[in-house]
């Protein structure tokens, strides 16, 4: 427990400190987190972490998360075209390797590059919104996700009776999940009340709901694939906490979700 607390304080201080700073320092931190997260995923699937197939995935993650806008560099292709070319490169691996690298493996690594790359892209971009309130939006989403996690944990321990999805995550309960939703919504509403009109109440309710429901689903997604591979944590970078994907499993689905649905009013 002591190690977990120390790791949480140090990692939290570094992340939040650079988040306050914003700009390239924060963006490069998120980029580093995304590449480490992809490494964890590749290693989990038993593929060579630095083999040729994995390198394509690292390049894909780099393509998504690189701070093109902050450096005033125009990405040379439409994003859909870039993603398609990334997929083509993965598929060609099966041809040039004469199926020594199978379609199942390249499909997983392509999926991971999109899942992780786009997730961390929106984490970085939330801090750099055009309205100049990126710090507020980032803290709103993080606080709502953390409130959902805390609410689900404490309500689940106190009142949990009915298992939510025991085949995937045996410790989660329906009561805990509902508690997480309620606490996340309350947290987002508090942000709205303190925002001096920046965040409408209706948007806050939707953001709190999305942070809890989509965040808990993101947690279940990672629980599902870790169970397939028979591992407890995706990595060991953060002693007592696991890896980057263990800590950011909710983030990398909530941040894209709220942006794609335009729930942030900027």
C-alpha atoms as a PDB file:
ATOM      1  CA  UNK A   1       0.000   0.000   0.000  1.00  0.00           C
ATOM      2  CA  UNK A   2       2.852   2.391   0.851  1.00  0.00           C
ATOM      3  CA  UNK A   3       4.443   1.833  -2.543  1.00  0.00           C
ATOM      4  CA  UNK A   4       1.088   2.355  -4.257  1.00  0.00           C
ATOM      5  CA  UNK A   5       0.577   5.674  -2.453  1.00  0.00           C
ATOM      6  CA  UNK A   6       4.095   6.931  -3.217  1.00  0.00           C
ATOM      7  CA  UNK A   7       3.781   5.959  -6.883  1.00  0.00           C
ATOM      8  CA  UNK A   8       0.381   7.649  -7.110  1.00  0.00           C
ATOM      9  CA  UNK A   9       1.662  10.884  -5.583  1.00  0.00           C
ATOM     10  CA  UNK A  10       4.780  11.069  -7.754  1.00  0.00           C
ATOM     11  CA  UNK A  11       3.065  10.081 -11.010  1.00  0.00           C
ATOM     12  CA  UNK A  12       0.108  12.345 -10.270  1.00  0.00           C
ATOM     13  CA  UNK A  13       2.369  15.305  -9.498  1.00  0.00           C
ATOM     14  CA  UNK A  14       4.309  14.860 -12.748  1.00  0.00           C
ATOM     15  CA  UNK A  15       1.196  14.425 -14.868  1.00  0.00           C
ATOM     16  CA  UNK A  16      -0.827  17.242 -13.298  1.00  0.00           C
ATOM     17  CA  UNK A  17       2.172  19.567 -13.210  1.00  0.00           C
ATOM     18  CA  UNK A  18       2.806  19.167 -16.921  1.00  0.00           C
ATOM     19  CA  UNK A  19      -0.913  19.406 -17.574  1.00  0.00           C
ATOM     20  CA  UNK A  20      -0.921  22.819 -15.857  1.00  0.00           C
ATOM     21  CA  UNK A  21       1.999  23.845 -18.067  1.00  0.00           C
ATOM     22  CA  UNK A  22       0.319  22.593 -21.222  1.00  0.00           C
ATOM     23  CA  UNK A  23       1.976  23.112 -24.587  1.00  0.00           C
ATOM     24  CA  UNK A  24       4.600  20.795 -25.995  1.00  0.00           C
ATOM     25  CA  UNK A  25       5.807  19.450 -22.645  1.00  0.00           C
ATOM     26  CA  UNK A  26       2.382  18.062 -21.809  1.00  0.00           C
ATOM     27  CA  UNK A  27       1.765  16.825 -25.343  1.00  0.00           C
ATOM     28  CA  UNK A  28       5.074  14.961 -25.426  1.00  0.00           C
ATOM     29  CA  UNK A  29       4.259  13.394 -22.055  1.00  0.00           C
ATOM     30  CA  UNK A  30       0.979  12.095 -23.490  1.00  0.00           C
ATOM     31  CA  UNK A  31       2.831  10.906 -26.598  1.00  0.00           C
ATOM     32  CA  UNK A  32       5.295   8.982 -24.410  1.00  0.00           C
ATOM     33  CA  UNK A  33       2.393   7.458 -22.459  1.00  0.00           C
ATOM     34  CA  UNK A  34       0.756   6.348 -25.706  1.00  0.00           C
ATOM     35  CA  UNK A  35       3.908   4.627 -26.970  1.00  0.00           C
ATOM     36  CA  UNK A  36       4.426   2.882 -23.626  1.00  0.00           C
ATOM     37  CA  UNK A  37       0.778   1.825 -23.674  1.00  0.00           C
ATOM     38  CA  UNK A  38       1.233   0.337 -27.144  1.00  0.00           C
ATOM     39  CA  UNK A  39       4.357  -1.487 -25.954  1.00  0.00           C
ATOM     40  CA  UNK A  40       2.320  -2.986 -23.101  1.00  0.00           C
ATOM     41  CA  UNK A  41      -0.353  -4.152 -25.520  1.00  0.00           C
ATOM     42  CA  UNK A  42       2.153  -5.706 -27.928  1.00  0.00           C
ATOM     43  CA  UNK A  43       3.966  -7.496 -25.112  1.00  0.00           C
ATOM     44  CA  UNK A  44       0.665  -8.791 -23.747  1.00  0.00           C
ATOM     45  CA  UNK A  45      -0.173 -10.419 -27.093  1.00  0.00           C
ATOM     46  CA  UNK A  46       3.208 -12.228 -27.054  1.00  0.00           C
ATOM     47  CA  UNK A  47       4.353 -10.446 -30.215  1.00  0.00           C
ATOM     48  CA  UNK A  48       7.945  -9.197 -30.393  1.00  0.00           C
ATOM     49  CA  UNK A  49       7.761  -5.733 -28.744  1.00  0.00           C
ATOM     50  CA  UNK A  50      10.301  -4.289 -31.169  1.00  0.00           C
ATOM     51  CA  UNK A  51       9.762  -6.563 -34.151  1.00  0.00           C
ATOM     52  CA  UNK A  52       8.961  -5.187 -37.570  1.00  0.00           C
ATOM     53  CA  UNK A  53       5.195  -5.609 -37.176  1.00  0.00           C
ATOM     54  CA  UNK A  54       5.161  -3.787 -33.843  1.00  0.00           C
ATOM     55  CA  UNK A  55       7.247  -0.958 -35.321  1.00  0.00           C
ATOM     56  CA  UNK A  56       4.449  -0.252 -37.795  1.00  0.00           C
ATOM     57  CA  UNK A  57       2.097   0.083 -34.842  1.00  0.00           C
ATOM     58  CA  UNK A  58       4.425   2.463 -33.007  1.00  0.00           C
ATOM     59  CA  UNK A  59       4.565   4.589 -36.146  1.00  0.00           C
ATOM     60  CA  UNK A  60       0.765   4.520 -36.297  1.00  0.00           C
ATOM     61  CA  UNK A  61       0.467   5.690 -32.691  1.00  0.00           C
ATOM     62  CA  UNK A  62       3.064   8.371 -33.415  1.00  0.00           C
ATOM     63  CA  UNK A  63       1.039   9.462 -36.442  1.00  0.00           C
ATOM     64  CA  UNK A  64      -2.067   9.936 -34.323  1.00  0.00           C
ATOM     65  CA  UNK A  65      -0.557  11.553 -31.219  1.00  0.00           C
ATOM     66  CA  UNK A  66       2.333  13.629 -32.613  1.00  0.00           C
ATOM     67  CA  UNK A  67       1.769  17.373 -31.893  1.00  0.00           C
ATOM     68  CA  UNK A  68       1.311  18.371 -35.521  1.00  0.00           C
ATOM     69  CA  UNK A  69      -0.764  21.457 -34.702  1.00  0.00           C
ATOM     70  CA  UNK A  70       1.485  22.740 -31.925  1.00  0.00           C
ATOM     71  CA  UNK A  71       4.478  22.531 -34.248  1.00  0.00           C
ATOM     72  CA  UNK A  72       2.522  24.099 -37.135  1.00  0.00           C
ATOM     73  CA  UNK A  73       3.091  21.041 -39.308  1.00  0.00           C
ATOM     74  CA  UNK A  74       0.315  20.021 -41.657  1.00  0.00           C
ATOM     75  CA  UNK A  75      -0.321  16.278 -41.639  1.00  0.00           C
ATOM     76  CA  UNK A  76       0.296  15.264 -45.280  1.00  0.00           C
ATOM     77  CA  UNK A  77      -2.883  13.175 -45.675  1.00  0.00           C
ATOM     78  CA  UNK A  78      -6.495  13.222 -44.507  1.00  0.00           C
ATOM     79  CA  UNK A  79      -6.703  11.228 -41.276  1.00  0.00           C
ATOM     80  CA  UNK A  80      -8.943   8.600 -42.820  1.00  0.00           C
ATOM     81  CA  UNK A  81      -6.419   8.050 -45.604  1.00  0.00           C
ATOM     82  CA  UNK A  82      -3.566   7.811 -43.117  1.00  0.00           C
ATOM     83  CA  UNK A  83      -5.457   5.201 -41.107  1.00  0.00           C
ATOM     84  CA  UNK A  84      -6.203   3.198 -44.257  1.00  0.00           C
ATOM     85  CA  UNK A  85      -2.531   3.213 -45.275  1.00  0.00           C
ATOM     86  CA  UNK A  86      -1.607   2.068 -41.788  1.00  0.00           C
ATOM     87  CA  UNK A  87      -4.028  -0.841 -42.168  1.00  0.00           C
ATOM     88  CA  UNK A  88      -2.537  -1.690 -45.567  1.00  0.00           C
ATOM     89  CA  UNK A  89       0.977  -1.819 -44.120  1.00  0.00           C
ATOM     90  CA  UNK A  90      -0.182  -4.256 -41.458  1.00  0.00           C
ATOM     91  CA  UNK A  91      -1.917  -6.448 -44.031  1.00  0.00           C
ATOM     92  CA  UNK A  92       1.170  -6.514 -46.245  1.00  0.00           C
ATOM     93  CA  UNK A  93       3.144  -7.959 -43.338  1.00  0.00           C
ATOM     94  CA  UNK A  94       1.203 -11.213 -43.750  1.00  0.00           C
ATOM     95  CA  UNK A  95       2.202 -11.334 -47.419  1.00  0.00           C
ATOM     96  CA  UNK A  96       5.893 -10.502 -47.065  1.00  0.00           C
ATOM     97  CA  UNK A  97       6.268 -12.786 -44.043  1.00  0.00           C
ATOM     98  CA  UNK A  98       4.559 -15.597 -45.999  1.00  0.00           C
ATOM     99  CA  UNK A  99       2.003 -15.900 -43.211  1.00  0.00           C
ATOM    100  CA  UNK A 100       4.610 -16.391 -40.501  1.00  0.00           C
ATOM    101  CA  UNK A 101       2.904 -13.340 -39.062  1.00  0.00           C
ATOM    102  CA  UNK A 102      -0.781 -14.200 -39.307  1.00  0.00           C
ATOM    103  CA  UNK A 103      -3.825 -12.085 -39.946  1.00  0.00           C
ATOM    104  CA  UNK A 104      -4.919 -12.474 -36.309  1.00  0.00           C
ATOM    105  CA  UNK A 105      -1.740 -10.855 -35.017  1.00  0.00           C
ATOM    106  CA  UNK A 106      -1.668  -7.957 -37.457  1.00  0.00           C
ATOM    107  CA  UNK A 107      -5.363  -7.317 -36.833  1.00  0.00           C
ATOM    108  CA  UNK A 108      -4.757  -7.069 -33.090  1.00  0.00           C
ATOM    109  CA  UNK A 109      -1.801  -4.734 -33.503  1.00  0.00           C
ATOM    110  CA  UNK A 110      -3.662  -2.524 -35.963  1.00  0.00           C
ATOM    111  CA  UNK A 111      -6.649  -2.381 -33.622  1.00  0.00           C
ATOM    112  CA  UNK A 112      -4.346  -1.435 -30.743  1.00  0.00           C
ATOM    113  CA  UNK A 113      -2.678   1.354 -32.712  1.00  0.00           C
ATOM    114  CA  UNK A 114      -6.081   2.946 -33.437  1.00  0.00           C
ATOM    115  CA  UNK A 115      -7.539   2.274 -29.976  1.00  0.00           C
ATOM    116  CA  UNK A 116      -4.497   3.651 -28.156  1.00  0.00           C
ATOM    117  CA  UNK A 117      -3.455   6.279 -30.688  1.00  0.00           C
ATOM    118  CA  UNK A 118      -6.829   7.996 -31.042  1.00  0.00           C
ATOM    119  CA  UNK A 119      -7.488   7.690 -27.309  1.00  0.00           C
ATOM    120  CA  UNK A 120      -4.298   9.524 -26.352  1.00  0.00           C
ATOM    121  CA  UNK A 121      -4.728  11.958 -29.243  1.00  0.00           C
ATOM    122  CA  UNK A 122      -7.926  13.258 -27.672  1.00  0.00           C
ATOM    123  CA  UNK A 123      -6.326  13.347 -24.217  1.00  0.00           C
ATOM    124  CA  UNK A 124      -3.627  15.633 -25.619  1.00  0.00           C
ATOM    125  CA  UNK A 125      -5.992  17.711 -27.753  1.00  0.00           C
ATOM    126  CA  UNK A 126      -8.358  18.340 -24.831  1.00  0.00           C
ATOM    127  CA  UNK A 127      -5.632  20.467 -23.254  1.00  0.00           C
ATOM    128  CA  UNK A 128      -5.210  22.461 -26.462  1.00  0.00           C
ATOM    129  CA  UNK A 129      -8.796  23.378 -27.364  1.00  0.00           C
ATOM    130  CA  UNK A 130      -9.242  26.470 -29.556  1.00  0.00           C
ATOM    131  CA  UNK A 131     -11.316  28.291 -26.919  1.00  0.00           C
ATOM    132  CA  UNK A 132      -8.352  28.538 -24.545  1.00  0.00           C
ATOM    133  CA  UNK A 133     -10.099  26.588 -21.754  1.00  0.00           C
ATOM    134  CA  UNK A 134      -8.316  23.292 -22.341  1.00  0.00           C
ATOM    135  CA  UNK A 135      -7.150  23.002 -18.737  1.00  0.00           C
ATOM    136  CA  UNK A 136     -10.740  23.271 -17.514  1.00  0.00           C
ATOM    137  CA  UNK A 137     -12.018  20.656 -19.991  1.00  0.00           C
ATOM    138  CA  UNK A 138      -9.170  18.270 -19.195  1.00  0.00           C
ATOM    139  CA  UNK A 139      -9.709  18.548 -15.443  1.00  0.00           C
ATOM    140  CA  UNK A 140     -13.466  18.194 -15.900  1.00  0.00           C
ATOM    141  CA  UNK A 141     -13.071  14.875 -17.701  1.00  0.00           C
ATOM    142  CA  UNK A 142     -10.352  13.553 -15.415  1.00  0.00           C
ATOM    143  CA  UNK A 143     -12.286  14.514 -12.285  1.00  0.00           C
ATOM    144  CA  UNK A 144     -15.473  12.921 -13.614  1.00  0.00           C
ATOM    145  CA  UNK A 145     -13.630   9.690 -14.484  1.00  0.00           C
ATOM    146  CA  UNK A 146     -11.861   9.574 -11.128  1.00  0.00           C
ATOM    147  CA  UNK A 147     -15.112  10.328  -9.313  1.00  0.00           C
ATOM    148  CA  UNK A 148     -16.765   7.432 -11.137  1.00  0.00           C
ATOM    149  CA  UNK A 149     -13.912   5.106 -10.180  1.00  0.00           C
ATOM    150  CA  UNK A 150     -13.994   6.195  -6.545  1.00  0.00           C
ATOM    151  CA  UNK A 151     -17.779   6.056  -6.358  1.00  0.00           C
ATOM    152  CA  UNK A 152     -17.907   2.591  -7.890  1.00  0.00           C
ATOM    153  CA  UNK A 153     -15.218   1.323  -5.529  1.00  0.00           C
ATOM    154  CA  UNK A 154     -16.574   2.696  -2.245  1.00  0.00           C
ATOM    155  CA  UNK A 155     -20.263   2.199  -2.987  1.00  0.00           C
ATOM    156  CA  UNK A 156     -19.496  -1.284  -4.273  1.00  0.00           C
ATOM    157  CA  UNK A 157     -17.621  -2.179  -1.092  1.00  0.00           C
ATOM    158  CA  UNK A 158     -20.348  -0.795   1.140  1.00  0.00           C
ATOM    159  CA  UNK A 159     -23.517  -1.766  -0.702  1.00  0.00           C
ATOM    160  CA  UNK A 160     -22.463  -4.147  -3.467  1.00  0.00           C
ATOM    161  CA  UNK A 161     -24.522  -7.331  -3.612  1.00  0.00           C
ATOM    162  CA  UNK A 162     -25.173  -8.074  -7.281  1.00  0.00           C
ATOM    163  CA  UNK A 163     -22.281  -8.797  -9.636  1.00  0.00           C
ATOM    164  CA  UNK A 164     -22.084  -6.552 -12.679  1.00  0.00           C
ATOM    165  CA  UNK A 165     -20.180  -8.853 -15.061  1.00  0.00           C
ATOM    166  CA  UNK A 166     -18.522 -11.680 -13.126  1.00  0.00           C
ATOM    167  CA  UNK A 167     -17.180 -13.495 -16.206  1.00  0.00           C
ATOM    168  CA  UNK A 168     -14.972 -10.484 -16.977  1.00  0.00           C
ATOM    169  CA  UNK A 169     -14.504  -8.585 -13.704  1.00  0.00           C
ATOM    170  CA  UNK A 170     -15.711 -10.573 -10.693  1.00  0.00           C
ATOM    171  CA  UNK A 171     -15.317  -7.756  -8.154  1.00  0.00           C
ATOM    172  CA  UNK A 172     -17.502  -5.161  -9.857  1.00  0.00           C
ATOM    173  CA  UNK A 173     -21.114  -4.820  -8.730  1.00  0.00           C
ATOM    174  CA  UNK A 174     -24.233  -3.214 -10.140  1.00  0.00           C
ATOM    175  CA  UNK A 175     -24.581  -1.093  -7.004  1.00  0.00           C
ATOM    176  CA  UNK A 176     -21.001   0.115  -7.415  1.00  0.00           C
ATOM    177  CA  UNK A 177     -21.571   0.972 -11.073  1.00  0.00           C
ATOM    178  CA  UNK A 178     -24.662   3.010 -10.196  1.00  0.00           C
ATOM    179  CA  UNK A 179     -22.773   4.738  -7.410  1.00  0.00           C
ATOM    180  CA  UNK A 180     -20.036   5.626  -9.867  1.00  0.00           C
ATOM    181  CA  UNK A 181     -22.572   7.180 -12.246  1.00  0.00           C
ATOM    182  CA  UNK A 182     -24.142   9.279  -9.486  1.00  0.00           C
ATOM    183  CA  UNK A 183     -20.819  10.581  -8.123  1.00  0.00           C
ATOM    184  CA  UNK A 184     -19.519  11.364 -11.619  1.00  0.00           C
ATOM    185  CA  UNK A 185     -22.650  13.315 -12.503  1.00  0.00           C
ATOM    186  CA  UNK A 186     -22.463  15.260  -9.223  1.00  0.00           C
ATOM    187  CA  UNK A 187     -18.815  16.073  -9.931  1.00  0.00           C
ATOM    188  CA  UNK A 188     -19.557  17.345 -13.437  1.00  0.00           C
ATOM    189  CA  UNK A 189     -22.461  19.434 -12.116  1.00  0.00           C
ATOM    190  CA  UNK A 190     -20.141  21.035  -9.546  1.00  0.00           C
ATOM    191  CA  UNK A 191     -17.787  21.975 -12.395  1.00  0.00           C
ATOM    192  CA  UNK A 192     -20.758  23.530 -14.216  1.00  0.00           C
ATOM    193  CA  UNK A 193     -21.816  25.549 -11.166  1.00  0.00           C
ATOM    194  CA  UNK A 194     -18.271  26.869 -10.732  1.00  0.00           C
ATOM    195  CA  UNK A 195     -17.688  27.586 -14.425  1.00  0.00           C
ATOM    196  CA  UNK A 196     -19.474  30.956 -14.571  1.00  0.00           C
ATOM    197  CA  UNK A 197     -21.577  29.833 -17.539  1.00  0.00           C
ATOM    198  CA  UNK A 198     -18.753  28.147 -19.457  1.00  0.00           C
ATOM    199  CA  UNK A 199     -20.289  24.687 -18.977  1.00  0.00           C
ATOM    200  CA  UNK A 200     -24.098  24.465 -19.349  1.00  0.00           C
ATOM    201  CA  UNK A 201     -25.837  22.201 -16.858  1.00  0.00           C
ATOM    202  CA  UNK A 202     -27.219  19.924 -19.593  1.00  0.00           C
ATOM    203  CA  UNK A 203     -23.736  19.327 -20.996  1.00  0.00           C
ATOM    204  CA  UNK A 204     -22.425  18.645 -17.506  1.00  0.00           C
ATOM    205  CA  UNK A 205     -25.067  15.981 -16.923  1.00  0.00           C
ATOM    206  CA  UNK A 206     -24.218  14.281 -20.209  1.00  0.00           C
ATOM    207  CA  UNK A 207     -20.464  14.490 -19.575  1.00  0.00           C
ATOM    208  CA  UNK A 208     -20.820  13.034 -16.091  1.00  0.00           C
ATOM    209  CA  UNK A 209     -23.000  10.227 -17.417  1.00  0.00           C
ATOM    210  CA  UNK A 210     -20.636   9.495 -20.310  1.00  0.00           C
ATOM    211  CA  UNK A 211     -17.566   9.590 -18.073  1.00  0.00           C
ATOM    212  CA  UNK A 212     -19.097   6.970 -15.788  1.00  0.00           C
ATOM    213  CA  UNK A 213     -20.824   4.662 -18.255  1.00  0.00           C
ATOM    214  CA  UNK A 214     -18.252   4.778 -21.071  1.00  0.00           C
ATOM    215  CA  UNK A 215     -15.405   4.860 -18.560  1.00  0.00           C
ATOM    216  CA  UNK A 216     -16.643   1.723 -16.809  1.00  0.00           C
ATOM    217  CA  UNK A 217     -17.096   0.025 -20.174  1.00  0.00           C
ATOM    218  CA  UNK A 218     -13.524   0.972 -21.065  1.00  0.00           C
ATOM    219  CA  UNK A 219     -12.374  -0.630 -17.832  1.00  0.00           C
ATOM    220  CA  UNK A 220     -14.329  -3.778 -18.698  1.00  0.00           C
ATOM    221  CA  UNK A 221     -12.778  -3.851 -22.180  1.00  0.00           C
ATOM    222  CA  UNK A 222      -9.316  -4.007 -20.696  1.00  0.00           C
ATOM    223  CA  UNK A 223     -10.410  -6.512 -18.050  1.00  0.00           C
ATOM    224  CA  UNK A 224     -11.739  -8.700 -20.863  1.00  0.00           C
ATOM    225  CA  UNK A 225      -8.559  -8.817 -22.896  1.00  0.00           C
ATOM    226  CA  UNK A 226      -6.338  -9.199 -19.817  1.00  0.00           C
ATOM    227  CA  UNK A 227      -8.454 -12.186 -18.828  1.00  0.00           C
ATOM    228  CA  UNK A 228      -7.950 -13.679 -22.308  1.00  0.00           C
ATOM    229  CA  UNK A 229      -4.195 -13.441 -21.866  1.00  0.00           C
ATOM    230  CA  UNK A 230      -4.220 -14.490 -18.222  1.00  0.00           C
ATOM    231  CA  UNK A 231      -2.526 -11.401 -16.794  1.00  0.00           C
ATOM    232  CA  UNK A 232      -3.417  -9.143 -13.882  1.00  0.00           C
ATOM    233  CA  UNK A 233      -1.812  -5.918 -15.106  1.00  0.00           C
ATOM    234  CA  UNK A 234      -0.896  -4.636 -18.549  1.00  0.00           C
ATOM    235  CA  UNK A 235       2.529  -3.551 -17.307  1.00  0.00           C
ATOM    236  CA  UNK A 236       4.676  -2.746 -14.292  1.00  0.00           C
ATOM    237  CA  UNK A 237       5.797   0.826 -14.978  1.00  0.00           C
ATOM    238  CA  UNK A 238       3.818   2.175 -12.010  1.00  0.00           C
ATOM    239  CA  UNK A 239       4.530  -0.020  -8.954  1.00  0.00           C
ATOM    240  CA  UNK A 240       1.295  -0.834  -7.170  1.00  0.00           C
ATOM    241  CA  UNK A 241      -0.767   0.499 -10.061  1.00  0.00           C
ATOM    242  CA  UNK A 242       0.274  -1.644 -13.017  1.00  0.00           C
ATOM    243  CA  UNK A 243       0.973  -0.131 -16.410  1.00  0.00           C
ATOM    244  CA  UNK A 244      -0.115   2.873 -18.435  1.00  0.00           C
ATOM    245  CA  UNK A 245      -3.104   1.035 -19.904  1.00  0.00           C
ATOM    246  CA  UNK A 246      -4.213  -0.041 -16.427  1.00  0.00           C
ATOM    247  CA  UNK A 247      -4.345   3.604 -15.314  1.00  0.00           C
ATOM    248  CA  UNK A 248      -5.728   5.049 -18.550  1.00  0.00           C
ATOM    249  CA  UNK A 249      -8.224   2.380 -19.645  1.00  0.00           C
ATOM    250  CA  UNK A 250     -11.163   4.720 -19.011  1.00  0.00           C
ATOM    251  CA  UNK A 251      -9.420   7.830 -20.304  1.00  0.00           C
ATOM    252  CA  UNK A 252      -8.751   6.467 -23.786  1.00  0.00           C
ATOM    253  CA  UNK A 253     -12.432   5.813 -24.420  1.00  0.00           C
ATOM    254  CA  UNK A 254     -14.047   8.713 -22.519  1.00  0.00           C
ATOM    255  CA  UNK A 255     -11.964  11.516 -24.054  1.00  0.00           C
ATOM    256  CA  UNK A 256     -12.687  10.507 -27.678  1.00  0.00           C
ATOM    257  CA  UNK A 257     -16.338   9.779 -26.878  1.00  0.00           C
ATOM    258  CA  UNK A 258     -17.138  13.218 -25.468  1.00  0.00           C
ATOM    259  CA  UNK A 259     -15.319  14.950 -28.322  1.00  0.00           C
ATOM    260  CA  UNK A 260     -16.888  12.873 -31.083  1.00  0.00           C
ATOM    261  CA  UNK A 261     -20.359  13.488 -29.628  1.00  0.00           C
ATOM    262  CA  UNK A 262     -19.517  17.214 -29.183  1.00  0.00           C
ATOM    263  CA  UNK A 263     -20.405  17.180 -25.493  1.00  0.00           C
ATOM    264  CA  UNK A 264     -17.757  19.797 -24.703  1.00  0.00           C
ATOM    265  CA  UNK A 265     -19.335  23.175 -25.575  1.00  0.00           C
ATOM    266  CA  UNK A 266     -16.459  24.974 -27.270  1.00  0.00           C
END
